[in-house]
């Protein structure tokens, strides 16, 4: 008889409303330190950040734009623009879904 380091499985009911592909997409979006830093900055800033994201990270604007695109595709941030500026904000509902799904792992 072998001893196992793992506890016996218990039945778990998942309450998260995102599927595994969606969860993987969000995790992949957070797999780069620059994207984590951007997301943290937007969380800390609040409702809408109108500043230049190039002030947040010491990266080229095109690189930051690529990181923003990945976060937007994962649904973690949103952006809207008026004639002269862009507002970036965290999709709070989506972030909550990610937190719930991660808690269930």
N, C-alpha and C. Protein backbone atom coordinates (compact mmCIF):
# COMPACT_ATOMS: atom_id res chain seq x y z
N UNK A 1 0.84 -1.18 0.00
CA UNK A 1 0.00 0.00 0.00
C UNK A 1 0.89 1.24 0.00
N UNK A 2 0.62 2.16 -0.91
CA UNK A 2 1.45 3.36 -0.99
C UNK A 2 0.77 4.52 -0.28
N UNK A 3 1.59 5.36 0.28
CA UNK A 3 1.08 6.56 0.93
C UNK A 3 1.04 7.68 -0.09
N UNK A 4 -0.02 8.42 -0.09
CA UNK A 4 -0.16 9.52 -1.02
C UNK A 4 0.00 10.84 -0.26
N UNK A 5 0.64 11.79 -0.92
CA UNK A 5 0.79 13.10 -0.31
C UNK A 5 -0.44 13.97 -0.54
N UNK A 6 -1.35 13.48 -1.34
CA UNK A 6 -2.55 14.26 -1.69
C UNK A 6 -3.74 13.78 -0.87
N UNK A 7 -4.53 14.74 -0.46
CA UNK A 7 -5.75 14.41 0.28
C UNK A 7 -6.75 13.78 -0.68
N UNK A 8 -7.66 12.98 -0.17
CA UNK A 8 -8.68 12.39 -1.04
C UNK A 8 -9.51 13.47 -1.73
N UNK A 9 -9.94 13.17 -2.92
CA UNK A 9 -10.77 14.12 -3.67
C UNK A 9 -12.11 14.32 -2.99
N UNK A 10 -12.53 15.55 -3.02
CA UNK A 10 -13.87 15.86 -2.53
C UNK A 10 -14.64 16.48 -3.67
N UNK A 11 -15.90 16.31 -3.64
CA UNK A 11 -16.76 16.85 -4.68
C UNK A 11 -16.78 18.37 -4.60
N UNK A 12 -16.59 19.01 -5.74
CA UNK A 12 -16.60 20.47 -5.78
C UNK A 12 -17.63 20.96 -6.78
N UNK A 13 -18.39 21.92 -6.37
CA UNK A 13 -19.33 22.55 -7.28
C UNK A 13 -18.74 23.88 -7.71
N UNK A 14 -18.56 24.04 -8.99
CA UNK A 14 -17.98 25.27 -9.52
C UNK A 14 -19.08 26.31 -9.69
N UNK A 15 -18.81 27.50 -9.19
CA UNK A 15 -19.80 28.58 -9.31
C UNK A 15 -19.38 29.62 -10.34
N UNK A 16 -18.15 29.53 -10.81
CA UNK A 16 -17.66 30.49 -11.78
C UNK A 16 -18.42 30.34 -13.09
N UNK A 17 -18.71 31.48 -13.71
CA UNK A 17 -19.48 31.43 -14.95
C UNK A 17 -18.61 31.63 -16.20
N UNK A 18 -17.32 31.32 -16.09
CA UNK A 18 -16.46 31.36 -17.27
C UNK A 18 -15.94 29.96 -17.53
N UNK A 19 -15.75 29.65 -18.80
CA UNK A 19 -15.26 28.32 -19.15
C UNK A 19 -13.74 28.29 -19.12
N UNK A 20 -13.17 27.12 -19.30
CA UNK A 20 -11.72 26.96 -19.17
C UNK A 20 -10.95 27.74 -20.23
N UNK A 21 -11.48 27.82 -21.45
CA UNK A 21 -10.80 28.58 -22.50
C UNK A 21 -10.74 30.07 -22.14
N UNK A 22 -11.83 30.57 -21.60
CA UNK A 22 -11.90 31.97 -21.21
C UNK A 22 -10.95 32.23 -20.04
N UNK A 23 -10.91 31.34 -19.08
CA UNK A 23 -10.00 31.48 -17.95
C UNK A 23 -8.56 31.47 -18.44
N UNK A 24 -8.24 30.57 -19.34
CA UNK A 24 -6.88 30.49 -19.89
C UNK A 24 -6.52 31.78 -20.62
N UNK A 25 -7.46 32.36 -21.34
CA UNK A 25 -7.22 33.61 -22.07
C UNK A 25 -6.88 34.74 -21.09
N UNK A 26 -7.62 34.81 -20.00
CA UNK A 26 -7.34 35.86 -19.01
C UNK A 26 -6.00 35.63 -18.31
N UNK A 27 -5.71 34.37 -17.99
CA UNK A 27 -4.43 34.07 -17.35
C UNK A 27 -3.27 34.38 -18.30
N UNK A 28 -3.43 34.06 -19.56
CA UNK A 28 -2.39 34.35 -20.55
C UNK A 28 -2.18 35.86 -20.66
N UNK A 29 -3.25 36.62 -20.57
CA UNK A 29 -3.14 38.08 -20.64
C UNK A 29 -2.35 38.62 -19.45
N UNK A 30 -2.39 37.92 -18.33
CA UNK A 30 -1.66 38.37 -17.14
C UNK A 30 -0.30 37.68 -17.00
N UNK A 31 0.12 36.98 -18.03
CA UNK A 31 1.38 36.22 -17.97
C UNK A 31 2.60 37.08 -18.27
N UNK A 32 2.42 38.37 -18.43
CA UNK A 32 3.55 39.26 -18.69
C UNK A 32 3.56 40.34 -17.61
N UNK A 33 4.72 40.59 -17.00
CA UNK A 33 4.79 41.59 -15.93
C UNK A 33 4.30 42.98 -16.33
N UNK A 34 4.52 43.38 -17.56
CA UNK A 34 4.06 44.71 -18.00
C UNK A 34 2.54 44.79 -17.98
N UNK A 35 1.87 43.71 -18.37
CA UNK A 35 0.41 43.73 -18.37
C UNK A 35 -0.14 43.71 -16.95
N UNK A 36 0.52 42.99 -16.06
CA UNK A 36 0.11 43.00 -14.66
C UNK A 36 0.27 44.41 -14.10
N UNK A 37 1.37 45.04 -14.42
CA UNK A 37 1.61 46.40 -13.94
C UNK A 37 0.58 47.38 -14.49
N UNK A 38 0.24 47.26 -15.76
CA UNK A 38 -0.80 48.12 -16.35
C UNK A 38 -2.14 47.91 -15.66
N UNK A 39 -2.51 46.64 -15.46
CA UNK A 39 -3.78 46.35 -14.81
C UNK A 39 -3.80 46.90 -13.39
N UNK A 40 -2.72 46.70 -12.65
CA UNK A 40 -2.64 47.23 -11.28
C UNK A 40 -2.77 48.75 -11.27
N UNK A 41 -2.11 49.40 -12.22
CA UNK A 41 -2.18 50.86 -12.29
C UNK A 41 -3.63 51.31 -12.52
N UNK A 42 -4.31 50.64 -13.42
CA UNK A 42 -5.69 51.02 -13.71
C UNK A 42 -6.61 50.71 -12.53
N UNK A 43 -6.35 49.63 -11.82
CA UNK A 43 -7.13 49.31 -10.62
C UNK A 43 -6.92 50.40 -9.57
N UNK A 44 -5.66 50.77 -9.36
CA UNK A 44 -5.34 51.79 -8.36
C UNK A 44 -5.88 53.16 -8.72
N UNK A 45 -5.95 53.44 -10.03
CA UNK A 45 -6.37 54.77 -10.46
C UNK A 45 -7.86 55.00 -10.29
N UNK A 46 -8.64 53.95 -10.48
CA UNK A 46 -10.08 54.11 -10.29
C UNK A 46 -10.86 54.00 -11.58
N UNK A 47 -11.91 54.79 -11.68
CA UNK A 47 -12.88 54.63 -12.76
C UNK A 47 -12.33 54.81 -14.17
N UNK A 48 -11.60 55.87 -14.41
CA UNK A 48 -11.16 56.12 -15.77
C UNK A 48 -9.80 56.81 -15.76
N UNK A 49 -8.86 56.24 -16.46
CA UNK A 49 -7.52 56.80 -16.52
C UNK A 49 -7.33 57.48 -17.87
N UNK A 50 -7.16 58.80 -17.82
CA UNK A 50 -6.98 59.57 -19.05
C UNK A 50 -5.52 59.88 -19.36
N UNK A 51 -4.60 59.46 -18.49
CA UNK A 51 -3.20 59.77 -18.69
C UNK A 51 -2.57 58.91 -19.77
N UNK A 52 -1.31 59.19 -20.02
CA UNK A 52 -0.55 58.41 -20.98
C UNK A 52 -0.04 57.14 -20.30
N UNK A 53 -0.31 56.01 -20.89
CA UNK A 53 0.18 54.76 -20.32
C UNK A 53 1.69 54.65 -20.48
N UNK A 54 2.27 55.46 -21.36
CA UNK A 54 3.72 55.49 -21.49
C UNK A 54 4.37 56.09 -20.24
N UNK A 55 3.59 56.81 -19.43
CA UNK A 55 4.10 57.34 -18.16
C UNK A 55 4.14 56.25 -17.09
N UNK A 56 3.42 55.15 -17.32
CA UNK A 56 3.33 54.07 -16.35
C UNK A 56 4.50 53.10 -16.51
N UNK A 57 4.86 52.81 -17.73
CA UNK A 57 5.91 51.84 -18.03
C UNK A 57 6.99 52.46 -18.92
N UNK A 58 8.23 52.07 -18.72
CA UNK A 58 9.31 52.59 -19.56
C UNK A 58 9.45 51.77 -20.86
N UNK A 59 8.36 51.69 -21.60
CA UNK A 59 8.34 50.93 -22.85
C UNK A 59 7.91 51.82 -24.00
N UNK A 60 8.21 51.39 -25.19
CA UNK A 60 7.80 52.14 -26.38
C UNK A 60 6.28 52.15 -26.47
N UNK A 61 5.71 53.25 -26.98
CA UNK A 61 4.25 53.32 -27.11
C UNK A 61 3.66 52.15 -27.89
N UNK A 62 4.34 51.68 -28.91
CA UNK A 62 3.81 50.55 -29.69
C UNK A 62 3.77 49.27 -28.86
N UNK A 63 4.76 49.08 -28.00
CA UNK A 63 4.78 47.90 -27.13
C UNK A 63 3.65 47.97 -26.11
N UNK A 64 3.46 49.15 -25.53
CA UNK A 64 2.37 49.33 -24.57
C UNK A 64 1.04 49.10 -25.26
N UNK A 65 0.91 49.57 -26.47
CA UNK A 65 -0.33 49.37 -27.23
C UNK A 65 -0.62 47.89 -27.43
N UNK A 66 0.41 47.11 -27.71
CA UNK A 66 0.23 45.66 -27.87
C UNK A 66 -0.23 45.03 -26.57
N UNK A 67 0.35 45.45 -25.45
CA UNK A 67 -0.05 44.92 -24.15
C UNK A 67 -1.50 45.30 -23.83
N UNK A 68 -1.86 46.54 -24.12
CA UNK A 68 -3.24 46.99 -23.90
C UNK A 68 -4.20 46.17 -24.74
N UNK A 69 -3.84 45.90 -25.98
CA UNK A 69 -4.70 45.11 -26.87
C UNK A 69 -4.95 43.72 -26.30
N UNK A 70 -3.93 43.11 -25.74
CA UNK A 70 -4.08 41.77 -25.17
C UNK A 70 -4.99 41.81 -23.95
N UNK A 71 -4.84 42.82 -23.10
CA UNK A 71 -5.72 42.96 -21.94
C UNK A 71 -7.17 43.22 -22.36
N UNK A 72 -7.34 44.01 -23.44
CA UNK A 72 -8.69 44.29 -23.93
C UNK A 72 -9.31 43.03 -24.54
N UNK A 73 -8.54 42.28 -25.30
CA UNK A 73 -9.06 41.04 -25.91
C UNK A 73 -9.50 40.04 -24.84
N UNK A 74 -8.81 40.04 -23.71
CA UNK A 74 -9.18 39.15 -22.60
C UNK A 74 -10.36 39.71 -21.82
N UNK A 75 -10.75 40.94 -22.12
CA UNK A 75 -11.89 41.55 -21.46
C UNK A 75 -11.58 42.16 -20.10
N UNK A 76 -10.29 42.24 -19.76
CA UNK A 76 -9.92 42.74 -18.44
C UNK A 76 -9.93 44.26 -18.35
N UNK A 77 -9.71 44.93 -19.47
CA UNK A 77 -9.80 46.38 -19.48
C UNK A 77 -10.66 46.82 -20.65
N UNK A 78 -11.13 48.04 -20.54
CA UNK A 78 -11.93 48.64 -21.61
C UNK A 78 -11.33 50.00 -21.93
N UNK A 79 -11.59 50.47 -23.11
CA UNK A 79 -11.12 51.79 -23.49
C UNK A 79 -12.14 52.48 -24.35
N UNK A 80 -12.30 53.75 -24.12
CA UNK A 80 -13.18 54.55 -24.96
C UNK A 80 -12.48 55.87 -25.22
N UNK A 81 -12.83 56.50 -26.30
CA UNK A 81 -12.12 57.74 -26.62
C UNK A 81 -13.10 58.83 -27.02
N UNK A 82 -12.68 60.04 -26.74
CA UNK A 82 -13.38 61.20 -27.26
C UNK A 82 -12.44 61.80 -28.31
N UNK A 83 -12.63 63.01 -28.67
CA UNK A 83 -11.84 63.58 -29.76
C UNK A 83 -10.36 63.73 -29.42
N UNK A 84 -10.02 63.91 -28.16
CA UNK A 84 -8.64 64.23 -27.84
C UNK A 84 -7.95 63.25 -26.90
N UNK A 85 -8.68 62.33 -26.31
CA UNK A 85 -8.04 61.44 -25.35
C UNK A 85 -8.78 60.12 -25.25
N UNK A 86 -8.08 59.15 -24.65
CA UNK A 86 -8.64 57.81 -24.46
C UNK A 86 -8.77 57.54 -22.97
N UNK A 87 -9.88 56.96 -22.60
CA UNK A 87 -10.13 56.58 -21.21
C UNK A 87 -9.94 55.07 -21.11
N UNK A 88 -9.05 54.64 -20.21
CA UNK A 88 -8.87 53.22 -19.94
C UNK A 88 -9.39 52.92 -18.55
N UNK A 89 -10.09 51.79 -18.43
CA UNK A 89 -10.58 51.39 -17.11
C UNK A 89 -10.63 49.87 -17.04
N UNK A 90 -10.68 49.39 -15.81
CA UNK A 90 -10.76 47.95 -15.56
C UNK A 90 -12.21 47.52 -15.71
N UNK A 91 -12.42 46.40 -16.35
CA UNK A 91 -13.74 45.79 -16.42
C UNK A 91 -13.92 45.04 -15.10
N UNK A 92 -14.57 45.70 -14.15
CA UNK A 92 -14.67 45.17 -12.78
C UNK A 92 -15.40 43.84 -12.72
N UNK A 93 -16.44 43.69 -13.54
CA UNK A 93 -17.18 42.43 -13.55
C UNK A 93 -16.29 41.29 -14.03
N UNK A 94 -15.53 41.55 -15.08
CA UNK A 94 -14.64 40.55 -15.64
C UNK A 94 -13.53 40.18 -14.65
N UNK A 95 -12.99 41.18 -13.97
CA UNK A 95 -11.96 40.93 -12.98
C UNK A 95 -12.51 40.09 -11.83
N UNK A 96 -13.75 40.35 -11.44
CA UNK A 96 -14.39 39.55 -10.39
C UNK A 96 -14.57 38.11 -10.84
N UNK A 97 -14.94 37.91 -12.11
CA UNK A 97 -15.08 36.56 -12.65
C UNK A 97 -13.74 35.82 -12.58
N UNK A 98 -12.66 36.52 -12.94
CA UNK A 98 -11.35 35.92 -12.88
C UNK A 98 -10.99 35.52 -11.45
N UNK A 99 -11.24 36.41 -10.50
CA UNK A 99 -10.94 36.12 -9.11
C UNK A 99 -11.73 34.90 -8.62
N UNK A 100 -13.00 34.83 -8.97
CA UNK A 100 -13.83 33.70 -8.55
C UNK A 100 -13.33 32.40 -9.16
N UNK A 101 -12.98 32.46 -10.43
CA UNK A 101 -12.50 31.24 -11.10
C UNK A 101 -11.17 30.79 -10.52
N UNK A 102 -10.30 31.73 -10.19
CA UNK A 102 -9.01 31.38 -9.60
C UNK A 102 -9.19 30.79 -8.20
N UNK A 103 -10.15 31.30 -7.47
CA UNK A 103 -10.41 30.79 -6.12
C UNK A 103 -10.90 29.35 -6.16
N UNK A 104 -11.47 28.93 -7.28
CA UNK A 104 -12.00 27.58 -7.41
C UNK A 104 -10.96 26.56 -7.84
N UNK A 105 -9.77 27.02 -8.19
CA UNK A 105 -8.73 26.08 -8.62
C UNK A 105 -8.19 25.28 -7.46
